């Protein structure tokens, strides 16, 4: 079995984080597995509660940060600690329903040229989430916003972006791996320096995928699945909307506006 590690970056919602941690520990039997829980200075006391929680498992390490440094930088705090072969970047709203980390890691390490993979994620009610995507372009992101209201060419473009024009019941190369659940070869993650710390929030997963693609291929591996609660609220906060625009601008400046190769 390959040596595995995983990291969850938490910001508030102690109960949800604990549920994720317990599901991961329960379905990942390897004795040398390491799970890091990084609290991004949660104002609701989540970090202190996590540090005081006895999970009954020495494989868990809780790290409390003094300030909120963002999603990507939060994950980067564990990079130097990793001695695994495959590292999992997981959201706190992920729940495992089986021992998929071992299986997904095995698949990743035996697939020639593969550097990153993600399983099929589902809502708690079993509906599939359409998270595997092609490389973002300004047109595809615009079409994604307009498709629900106008349909037509916008829906066709959005279906292309979210790869609904492909058979996603079999392993498929992708160009945008969701930060909710990433399996990455640890040597590749260290070589590229993890997440770009310039992103505080939004688009950092698309950026990381592009960095990984310079080292190998990225895959959806749908024979493995997990639950993703996905608490996505409408973008009504002006500050968060501005942050998203800034992140998108940085992404397109780095990687260009052209389409990908998948």
Protein backbone atom coordinates (compact mmCIF):
# COMPACT_ATOMS: atom_id res chain seq x y z
CA UNK A 1 0.00 0.00 0.00
CA UNK A 2 1.32 3.51 -0.78
CA UNK A 3 1.99 5.86 2.10
CA UNK A 4 -0.76 8.47 2.32
CA UNK A 5 -1.33 11.86 3.90
CA UNK A 6 -4.25 14.29 3.84
CA UNK A 7 -5.02 17.83 4.89
CA UNK A 8 -8.24 19.67 5.71
CA UNK A 9 -8.19 23.46 6.07
CA UNK A 10 -10.99 24.47 8.43
CA UNK A 11 -12.70 27.79 9.00
CA UNK A 12 -15.53 27.53 11.53
CA UNK A 13 -18.18 24.77 11.74
CA UNK A 14 -16.57 22.42 14.26
CA UNK A 15 -19.22 19.71 13.89
CA UNK A 16 -18.79 19.45 10.12
CA UNK A 17 -14.99 19.29 10.41
CA UNK A 18 -15.24 16.54 13.03
CA UNK A 19 -17.60 14.53 10.82
CA UNK A 20 -15.11 14.74 7.95
CA UNK A 21 -12.18 13.77 10.17
CA UNK A 22 -13.99 10.79 11.66
CA UNK A 23 -15.13 9.50 8.27
CA UNK A 24 -11.59 9.75 6.89
CA UNK A 25 -10.07 7.96 9.86
CA UNK A 26 -12.76 5.27 9.84
CA UNK A 27 -12.32 4.40 6.17
CA UNK A 28 -8.53 4.76 5.97
CA UNK A 29 -7.01 1.87 7.95
CA UNK A 30 -3.30 2.38 7.17
CA UNK A 31 -1.31 2.82 10.38
CA UNK A 32 1.16 5.23 8.75
CA UNK A 33 -1.56 7.52 7.34
CA UNK A 34 -1.21 11.15 8.47
CA UNK A 35 -4.18 13.53 8.62
CA UNK A 36 -3.55 17.23 9.21
CA UNK A 37 -6.35 19.58 10.23
CA UNK A 38 -5.34 23.22 9.82
CA UNK A 39 -7.61 25.79 11.45
CA UNK A 40 -7.46 29.19 9.75
CA UNK A 41 -8.00 31.22 12.95
CA UNK A 42 -11.74 30.47 13.05
CA UNK A 43 -13.54 33.26 14.93
CA UNK A 44 -16.10 30.80 16.35
CA UNK A 45 -13.51 28.90 18.41
CA UNK A 46 -13.40 25.92 16.05
CA UNK A 47 -9.61 25.68 16.28
CA UNK A 48 -9.54 25.54 20.05
CA UNK A 49 -12.29 22.92 20.07
CA UNK A 50 -10.46 20.80 17.50
CA UNK A 51 -7.21 21.00 19.47
CA UNK A 52 -9.05 19.86 22.59
CA UNK A 53 -10.88 17.00 20.84
CA UNK A 54 -9.71 13.45 21.41
CA UNK A 55 -10.31 11.68 18.11
CA UNK A 56 -8.91 8.49 19.62
CA UNK A 57 -6.37 8.28 16.81
CA UNK A 58 -2.73 9.37 16.91
CA UNK A 59 -2.74 9.83 13.11
CA UNK A 60 -4.48 13.23 13.47
CA UNK A 61 -2.51 16.45 13.92
CA UNK A 62 -4.38 19.70 14.58
CA UNK A 63 -2.60 22.93 13.63
CA UNK A 64 -3.98 26.25 14.84
CA UNK A 65 -2.96 29.30 12.81
CA UNK A 66 -2.76 32.73 14.43
CA UNK A 67 -4.46 34.40 11.46
CA UNK A 68 -6.56 33.46 8.46
CA UNK A 69 -3.99 33.09 5.67
CA UNK A 70 -6.38 31.70 3.06
CA UNK A 71 -7.17 28.28 1.62
CA UNK A 72 -4.04 27.62 -0.42
CA UNK A 73 -1.51 28.96 2.08
CA UNK A 74 -3.31 27.00 4.79
CA UNK A 75 -2.69 23.79 2.86
CA UNK A 76 0.90 24.82 2.17
CA UNK A 77 1.68 24.90 5.89
CA UNK A 78 1.95 21.10 5.95
CA UNK A 79 4.12 20.69 2.83
CA UNK A 80 7.40 20.34 4.71
CA UNK A 81 5.89 17.71 7.02
CA UNK A 82 4.87 15.34 4.23
CA UNK A 83 6.72 12.07 3.69
CA UNK A 84 3.89 10.35 1.83
CA UNK A 85 3.65 9.13 -1.74
CA UNK A 86 0.19 10.58 -2.35
CA UNK A 87 -1.30 13.59 -0.57
CA UNK A 88 -5.01 14.39 -0.42
CA UNK A 89 -6.34 17.95 -0.33
CA UNK A 90 -9.81 17.71 1.17
CA UNK A 91 -12.60 20.12 2.09
CA UNK A 92 -14.18 19.95 5.55
CA UNK A 93 -17.54 19.16 3.91
CA UNK A 94 -16.27 15.85 2.48
CA UNK A 95 -17.53 12.54 3.86
CA UNK A 96 -16.07 9.19 2.91
CA UNK A 97 -18.33 6.16 2.59
CA UNK A 98 -15.59 3.64 1.85
CA UNK A 99 -11.83 3.10 1.75
CA UNK A 100 -11.27 5.15 -1.39
CA UNK A 101 -8.03 6.90 -0.46
CA UNK A 102 -5.97 3.72 -0.80
CA UNK A 103 -7.67 2.76 -4.05
CA UNK A 104 -7.40 6.19 -5.62
CA UNK A 105 -3.74 6.48 -4.60
CA UNK A 106 -2.98 3.07 -6.12
CA UNK A 107 -4.70 4.10 -9.35
CA UNK A 108 -2.79 7.38 -9.48
CA UNK A 109 0.61 5.78 -8.92
CA UNK A 110 0.08 3.02 -11.47
CA UNK A 111 -1.33 5.26 -14.24
CA UNK A 112 1.61 6.17 -16.45
CA UNK A 113 2.23 9.94 -16.36
CA UNK A 114 -0.61 10.73 -13.94
CA UNK A 115 0.09 13.39 -11.30
CA UNK A 116 -3.35 14.31 -9.89
CA UNK A 117 -6.80 12.74 -9.66
CA UNK A 118 -10.23 13.34 -8.21
CA UNK A 119 -13.13 10.93 -7.56
CA UNK A 120 -16.78 11.39 -8.50
CA UNK A 121 -18.32 13.67 -5.88
CA UNK A 122 -22.00 13.44 -4.95
CA UNK A 123 -24.48 15.47 -2.96
CA UNK A 124 -25.70 13.83 0.27
CA UNK A 125 -28.88 12.79 -1.57
CA UNK A 126 -26.84 10.90 -4.17
CA UNK A 127 -27.05 13.37 -7.07
CA UNK A 128 -23.83 13.70 -9.04
CA UNK A 129 -21.85 16.92 -8.93
CA UNK A 130 -20.47 18.12 -12.26
CA UNK A 131 -17.10 19.34 -11.00
CA UNK A 132 -14.56 17.98 -13.54
CA UNK A 133 -13.92 20.75 -16.05
CA UNK A 134 -11.88 21.83 -18.99
CA UNK A 135 -9.45 24.74 -18.74
CA UNK A 136 -11.38 27.92 -17.87
CA UNK A 137 -11.56 30.68 -20.45
CA UNK A 138 -13.37 34.05 -20.15
CA UNK A 139 -15.98 32.83 -22.66
CA UNK A 140 -16.65 29.59 -20.80
CA UNK A 141 -16.98 31.38 -17.46
CA UNK A 142 -19.37 33.93 -18.99
CA UNK A 143 -21.41 31.14 -20.59
CA UNK A 144 -21.61 29.39 -17.22
CA UNK A 145 -23.24 32.46 -15.68
CA UNK A 146 -25.70 32.99 -18.56
CA UNK A 147 -26.62 29.37 -19.34
CA UNK A 148 -29.31 28.95 -16.64
CA UNK A 149 -31.24 32.00 -17.89
CA UNK A 150 -30.66 32.00 -21.63
CA UNK A 151 -29.78 28.42 -22.57
CA UNK A 152 -28.87 27.97 -26.23
CA UNK A 153 -25.22 28.53 -27.10
CA UNK A 154 -24.49 29.40 -23.48
CA UNK A 155 -25.73 26.04 -22.25
CA UNK A 156 -23.82 24.25 -25.01
CA UNK A 157 -20.65 26.06 -23.97
CA UNK A 158 -21.28 25.33 -20.29
CA UNK A 159 -21.87 21.64 -21.03
CA UNK A 160 -18.53 21.64 -22.85
CA UNK A 161 -16.81 23.39 -19.92
CA UNK A 162 -18.20 20.91 -17.37
CA UNK A 163 -17.49 18.02 -19.76
CA UNK A 164 -21.12 16.95 -20.05
CA UNK A 165 -20.33 16.20 -23.69
CA UNK A 166 -18.05 13.35 -22.55
CA UNK A 167 -18.62 9.93 -21.01
CA UNK A 168 -17.72 10.59 -17.37
CA UNK A 169 -18.48 7.06 -16.19
CA UNK A 170 -14.93 6.04 -17.11
CA UNK A 171 -11.58 7.62 -16.16
CA UNK A 172 -11.15 10.82 -18.12
CA UNK A 173 -8.42 13.42 -18.41
CA UNK A 174 -9.47 16.84 -17.10
CA UNK A 175 -7.90 20.30 -16.84
CA UNK A 176 -9.54 21.70 -13.71
CA UNK A 177 -9.51 19.55 -10.57
CA UNK A 178 -11.74 20.78 -7.77
CA UNK A 179 -10.00 21.78 -4.53
CA UNK A 180 -12.76 19.94 -2.66
CA UNK A 181 -10.99 16.62 -3.25
CA UNK A 182 -7.56 16.36 -4.87
CA UNK A 183 -5.20 13.40 -4.82
CA UNK A 184 -1.71 14.56 -5.80
CA UNK A 185 1.60 12.77 -6.04
CA UNK A 186 3.47 14.25 -3.10
CA UNK A 187 6.75 14.60 -4.99
CA UNK A 188 4.99 16.66 -7.66
CA UNK A 189 3.20 18.81 -5.07
CA UNK A 190 6.50 19.59 -3.36
CA UNK A 191 8.31 20.22 -6.63
CA UNK A 192 5.79 22.87 -7.71
CA UNK A 193 5.66 24.45 -4.25
CA UNK A 194 2.01 23.68 -3.54
CA UNK A 195 -0.60 26.39 -4.02
CA UNK A 196 0.31 29.85 -5.28
CA UNK A 197 0.22 31.90 -2.04
CA UNK A 198 -0.90 35.00 -3.94
CA UNK A 199 -4.45 33.60 -4.05
CA UNK A 200 -6.30 34.13 -0.77
CA UNK A 201 -9.49 32.46 -1.95
CA UNK A 202 -11.09 31.44 -5.28
CA UNK A 203 -9.48 29.93 -8.40
CA UNK A 204 -6.47 28.58 -6.48
CA UNK A 205 -7.52 25.04 -7.38
CA UNK A 206 -7.64 25.88 -11.09
CA UNK A 207 -4.19 27.44 -10.75
CA UNK A 208 -2.78 24.42 -8.93
CA UNK A 209 -4.18 22.14 -11.63
CA UNK A 210 -2.35 24.10 -14.30
CA UNK A 211 0.90 23.82 -12.32
CA UNK A 212 0.44 20.07 -11.96
CA UNK A 213 -0.35 19.70 -15.67
CA UNK A 214 3.22 20.85 -16.39
CA UNK A 215 4.39 17.70 -14.58
CA UNK A 216 1.82 15.10 -15.63
CA UNK A 217 -1.81 14.38 -16.43
CA UNK A 218 -4.88 15.09 -14.28
CA UNK A 219 -7.81 12.69 -14.10
CA UNK A 220 -11.39 12.13 -13.02
CA UNK A 221 -11.53 8.57 -11.66
CA UNK A 222 -15.28 7.93 -11.24
CA UNK A 223 -15.06 4.37 -9.95
CA UNK A 224 -14.22 6.04 -6.63
CA UNK A 225 -16.75 8.39 -5.03
CA UNK A 226 -17.34 10.50 -1.94
CA UNK A 227 -20.00 12.80 -0.51
CA UNK A 228 -19.49 16.55 -0.83
CA UNK A 229 -22.04 18.72 0.98
CA UNK A 230 -20.97 21.77 -1.10
CA UNK A 231 -22.37 24.73 0.88
CA UNK A 232 -22.24 27.16 -2.03
CA UNK A 233 -24.07 30.42 -1.41
CA UNK A 234 -24.99 33.04 -4.05
CA UNK A 235 -22.26 35.66 -4.57
CA UNK A 236 -23.92 38.62 -2.78
CA UNK A 237 -20.96 39.84 -0.74
CA UNK A 238 -19.21 42.69 -2.58
CA UNK A 239 -15.88 41.93 -0.93
CA UNK A 240 -15.94 38.26 -1.94
CA UNK A 241 -17.05 39.15 -5.47
CA UNK A 242 -14.13 41.56 -5.79
CA UNK A 243 -11.77 38.88 -4.44
CA UNK A 244 -13.07 36.42 -7.02
CA UNK A 245 -12.50 38.92 -9.84
CA UNK A 246 -8.96 39.62 -8.62
CA UNK A 247 -8.21 35.89 -8.46
CA UNK A 248 -9.61 35.33 -11.94
CA UNK A 249 -7.51 38.19 -13.26
CA UNK A 250 -4.40 36.70 -11.74
CA UNK A 251 -5.23 33.29 -13.20
CA UNK A 252 -5.72 34.55 -16.76
CA UNK A 253 -2.58 36.69 -16.53
CA UNK A 254 -0.58 33.58 -15.57
CA UNK A 255 -2.15 30.97 -17.82
CA UNK A 256 -3.69 32.95 -20.66
CA UNK A 257 -7.23 33.06 -22.01
CA UNK A 258 -6.89 30.29 -24.58
CA UNK A 259 -8.64 26.94 -24.42
CA UNK A 260 -6.99 23.81 -23.11
CA UNK A 261 -6.01 20.57 -24.80
CA UNK A 262 -8.63 18.13 -23.45
